[in-house]
């Protein structure tokens, strides 16, 4: 008899600093700077610092999009490496 397990997990509602760094691609130092400037508001649960997933998604969505010129410039710079 083969036993199977459901491996689906719900997305986390809140995440720790290392999880937030991995989720957003933003560096740890930058994350701390965003907190200091009030652009992100962390929550505390005991000693754990948590960020709401929705807050991180809103912040990323609020960042300006790069235009086509910048994309071409970045591509030309990476081609030279």
N, C-alpha and C. Protein backbone atom coordinates (compact mmCIF):
# COMPACT_ATOMS: atom_id res chain seq x y z
N UNK A 1 0.84 -1.18 0.00
CA UNK A 1 0.00 0.00 0.00
C UNK A 1 0.88 1.24 0.00
N UNK A 2 0.64 2.11 -0.96
CA UNK A 2 1.43 3.33 -1.08
C UNK A 2 0.73 4.48 -0.35
N UNK A 3 1.47 5.19 0.49
CA UNK A 3 0.93 6.32 1.23
C UNK A 3 1.36 7.60 0.52
N UNK A 4 0.41 8.47 0.24
CA UNK A 4 0.75 9.76 -0.36
C UNK A 4 0.36 10.87 0.60
N UNK A 5 1.11 11.92 0.54
CA UNK A 5 0.85 13.06 1.41
C UNK A 5 0.57 14.28 0.56
N UNK A 6 -0.30 15.09 1.06
CA UNK A 6 -0.61 16.35 0.38
C UNK A 6 0.53 17.31 0.67
N UNK A 7 1.26 17.70 -0.36
CA UNK A 7 2.41 18.60 -0.16
C UNK A 7 2.05 20.06 -0.37
N UNK A 8 0.79 20.33 -0.71
CA UNK A 8 0.37 21.72 -0.92
C UNK A 8 0.31 22.44 0.41
N UNK A 9 0.92 23.60 0.47
CA UNK A 9 0.83 24.42 1.67
C UNK A 9 0.30 25.79 1.29
N UNK A 10 -0.44 26.36 2.17
CA UNK A 10 -0.98 27.70 1.96
C UNK A 10 0.17 28.71 2.00
N UNK A 11 0.07 29.78 1.21
CA UNK A 11 1.10 30.83 1.32
C UNK A 11 1.08 31.42 2.73
N UNK A 12 2.25 31.76 3.20
CA UNK A 12 2.34 32.33 4.55
C UNK A 12 1.69 33.71 4.60
N UNK A 13 1.02 33.99 5.70
CA UNK A 13 0.41 35.28 5.94
C UNK A 13 1.47 36.30 6.33
N UNK A 14 2.47 35.84 7.10
CA UNK A 14 3.56 36.70 7.55
C UNK A 14 4.86 35.91 7.44
N UNK A 15 5.96 36.65 7.30
CA UNK A 15 7.24 35.97 7.17
C UNK A 15 8.34 36.67 7.97
N UNK A 16 9.33 35.89 8.33
CA UNK A 16 10.48 36.41 9.07
C UNK A 16 11.36 37.22 8.12
N UNK A 17 12.37 37.85 8.67
CA UNK A 17 13.27 38.66 7.84
C UNK A 17 13.95 37.82 6.76
N UNK A 18 14.55 36.67 7.09
CA UNK A 18 15.16 35.87 6.01
C UNK A 18 14.14 35.43 4.95
N UNK A 19 12.94 35.11 5.37
CA UNK A 19 11.89 34.72 4.41
C UNK A 19 11.48 35.89 3.54
N UNK A 20 11.38 37.09 4.15
CA UNK A 20 11.01 38.29 3.40
C UNK A 20 12.08 38.64 2.38
N UNK A 21 13.34 38.46 2.75
CA UNK A 21 14.46 38.72 1.83
C UNK A 21 14.36 37.78 0.64
N UNK A 22 14.12 36.50 0.91
CA UNK A 22 14.01 35.51 -0.16
C UNK A 22 12.78 35.77 -1.02
N UNK A 23 11.67 36.11 -0.40
CA UNK A 23 10.40 36.34 -1.10
C UNK A 23 10.48 37.55 -2.04
N UNK A 24 11.10 38.64 -1.57
CA UNK A 24 11.11 39.88 -2.35
C UNK A 24 12.34 40.04 -3.23
N UNK A 25 13.44 39.43 -2.85
CA UNK A 25 14.70 39.66 -3.56
C UNK A 25 15.39 40.92 -3.09
N UNK A 26 14.84 41.56 -2.06
CA UNK A 26 15.43 42.76 -1.48
C UNK A 26 16.44 42.31 -0.43
N UNK A 27 17.58 42.95 -0.38
CA UNK A 27 18.60 42.59 0.60
C UNK A 27 18.17 42.92 2.02
N UNK A 28 18.77 42.23 2.96
CA UNK A 28 18.45 42.42 4.39
C UNK A 28 18.68 43.87 4.83
N UNK A 29 19.81 44.44 4.43
CA UNK A 29 20.12 45.82 4.82
C UNK A 29 19.09 46.78 4.25
N UNK A 30 18.71 46.58 2.99
CA UNK A 30 17.70 47.44 2.37
C UNK A 30 16.37 47.29 3.08
N UNK A 31 16.03 46.08 3.49
CA UNK A 31 14.79 45.84 4.22
C UNK A 31 14.79 46.65 5.52
N UNK A 32 15.91 46.63 6.23
CA UNK A 32 16.01 47.42 7.46
C UNK A 32 15.89 48.93 7.17
N UNK A 33 16.47 49.38 6.07
CA UNK A 33 16.37 50.79 5.70
C UNK A 33 14.92 51.17 5.41
N UNK A 34 14.19 50.29 4.74
CA UNK A 34 12.78 50.55 4.44
C UNK A 34 11.96 50.66 5.72
N UNK A 35 12.30 49.85 6.71
CA UNK A 35 11.62 49.92 8.01
C UNK A 35 11.94 51.25 8.68
N UNK A 36 13.23 51.62 8.66
CA UNK A 36 13.66 52.87 9.31
C UNK A 36 12.96 54.08 8.68
N UNK A 37 12.77 54.05 7.35
CA UNK A 37 12.10 55.16 6.65
C UNK A 37 10.58 55.09 6.76
N UNK A 38 10.07 54.02 7.34
CA UNK A 38 8.62 53.88 7.50
C UNK A 38 7.90 53.36 6.26
N UNK A 39 8.66 52.85 5.29
CA UNK A 39 8.05 52.34 4.07
C UNK A 39 7.50 50.93 4.25
N UNK A 40 8.05 50.21 5.21
CA UNK A 40 7.53 48.90 5.60
C UNK A 40 7.39 48.88 7.12
N UNK A 41 6.30 48.27 7.59
CA UNK A 41 6.06 48.21 9.03
C UNK A 41 6.12 46.75 9.49
N UNK A 42 7.15 46.43 10.28
CA UNK A 42 7.24 45.06 10.78
C UNK A 42 6.30 44.84 11.96
N UNK A 43 5.99 43.58 12.23
CA UNK A 43 5.19 43.20 13.39
C UNK A 43 6.10 42.38 14.30
N UNK A 44 5.81 42.38 15.58
CA UNK A 44 6.59 41.57 16.52
C UNK A 44 5.70 40.51 17.14
N UNK A 45 6.25 39.31 17.22
CA UNK A 45 5.60 38.20 17.91
C UNK A 45 6.68 37.61 18.81
N UNK A 46 6.67 38.01 20.06
CA UNK A 46 7.76 37.63 20.96
C UNK A 46 9.04 38.28 20.47
N UNK A 47 10.05 37.48 20.19
CA UNK A 47 11.31 38.02 19.69
C UNK A 47 11.38 38.04 18.17
N UNK A 48 10.39 37.44 17.52
CA UNK A 48 10.40 37.37 16.06
C UNK A 48 9.89 38.65 15.43
N UNK A 49 10.59 39.09 14.41
CA UNK A 49 10.14 40.21 13.59
C UNK A 49 9.49 39.63 12.35
N UNK A 50 8.27 40.05 12.08
CA UNK A 50 7.51 39.52 10.96
C UNK A 50 7.06 40.63 10.02
N UNK A 51 6.96 40.29 8.75
CA UNK A 51 6.41 41.19 7.74
C UNK A 51 5.19 40.53 7.14
N UNK A 52 4.13 41.29 6.99
CA UNK A 52 2.94 40.75 6.35
C UNK A 52 3.22 40.59 4.86
N UNK A 53 2.80 39.48 4.33
CA UNK A 53 2.97 39.20 2.90
C UNK A 53 2.33 40.31 2.07
N UNK A 54 1.14 40.73 2.48
CA UNK A 54 0.42 41.77 1.73
C UNK A 54 1.19 43.08 1.71
N UNK A 55 1.86 43.43 2.83
CA UNK A 55 2.66 44.66 2.87
C UNK A 55 3.84 44.57 1.90
N UNK A 56 4.48 43.41 1.87
CA UNK A 56 5.62 43.22 0.95
C UNK A 56 5.16 43.28 -0.50
N UNK A 57 4.03 42.65 -0.79
CA UNK A 57 3.50 42.68 -2.16
C UNK A 57 3.13 44.10 -2.58
N UNK A 58 2.50 44.85 -1.66
CA UNK A 58 2.13 46.25 -1.98
C UNK A 58 3.37 47.09 -2.25
N UNK A 59 4.41 46.91 -1.42
CA UNK A 59 5.62 47.69 -1.61
C UNK A 59 6.25 47.39 -2.97
N UNK A 60 6.40 46.12 -3.31
CA UNK A 60 7.00 45.75 -4.59
C UNK A 60 6.15 46.28 -5.75
N UNK A 61 4.84 46.18 -5.63
CA UNK A 61 3.95 46.66 -6.69
C UNK A 61 4.03 48.18 -6.85
N UNK A 62 4.40 48.89 -5.78
CA UNK A 62 4.47 50.35 -5.84
C UNK A 62 5.76 50.86 -6.48
N UNK A 63 6.73 49.99 -6.66
CA UNK A 63 8.01 50.42 -7.26
C UNK A 63 7.80 50.79 -8.72
N UNK A 64 8.53 51.79 -9.20
CA UNK A 64 8.36 52.20 -10.59
C UNK A 64 8.87 51.14 -11.56
N UNK A 65 8.18 51.02 -12.67
CA UNK A 65 8.62 50.12 -13.73
C UNK A 65 9.75 50.78 -14.50
N UNK A 66 10.67 49.97 -15.01
CA UNK A 66 11.74 50.55 -15.82
C UNK A 66 11.25 50.67 -17.26
N UNK A 67 11.75 51.67 -17.94
CA UNK A 67 11.31 51.85 -19.33
C UNK A 67 12.19 51.05 -20.28
N UNK A 68 11.82 51.01 -21.53
CA UNK A 68 12.50 50.20 -22.54
C UNK A 68 13.97 50.60 -22.70
N UNK A 69 14.27 51.89 -22.60
CA UNK A 69 15.65 52.36 -22.73
C UNK A 69 16.54 51.74 -21.65
N UNK A 70 16.03 51.75 -20.42
CA UNK A 70 16.80 51.20 -19.31
C UNK A 70 17.03 49.71 -19.49
N UNK A 71 16.03 49.00 -19.99
CA UNK A 71 16.17 47.56 -20.23
C UNK A 71 17.27 47.31 -21.24
N UNK A 72 17.27 48.07 -22.34
CA UNK A 72 18.30 47.90 -23.37
C UNK A 72 19.67 48.23 -22.81
N UNK A 73 19.78 49.28 -22.01
CA UNK A 73 21.05 49.66 -21.40
C UNK A 73 21.55 48.55 -20.47
N UNK A 74 20.67 48.03 -19.64
CA UNK A 74 21.07 46.95 -18.73
C UNK A 74 21.51 45.71 -19.50
N UNK A 75 20.78 45.39 -20.56
CA UNK A 75 21.14 44.23 -21.39
C UNK A 75 22.51 44.44 -22.05
N UNK A 76 22.78 45.65 -22.53
CA UNK A 76 24.06 45.90 -23.19
C UNK A 76 25.21 45.83 -22.17
N UNK A 77 24.95 46.25 -20.94
CA UNK A 77 25.98 46.17 -19.91
C UNK A 77 26.26 44.72 -19.52
N UNK A 78 25.24 43.90 -19.43
CA UNK A 78 25.44 42.50 -19.06
C UNK A 78 26.06 41.71 -20.20
N UNK A 79 25.83 42.15 -21.45
CA UNK A 79 26.45 41.46 -22.59
C UNK A 79 27.96 41.64 -22.59
N UNK A 80 28.44 42.76 -22.03
CA UNK A 80 29.88 43.06 -22.02
C UNK A 80 30.63 42.26 -20.97
N UNK A 81 29.91 41.70 -20.03
CA UNK A 81 30.57 40.98 -18.93
C UNK A 81 30.98 39.60 -19.36
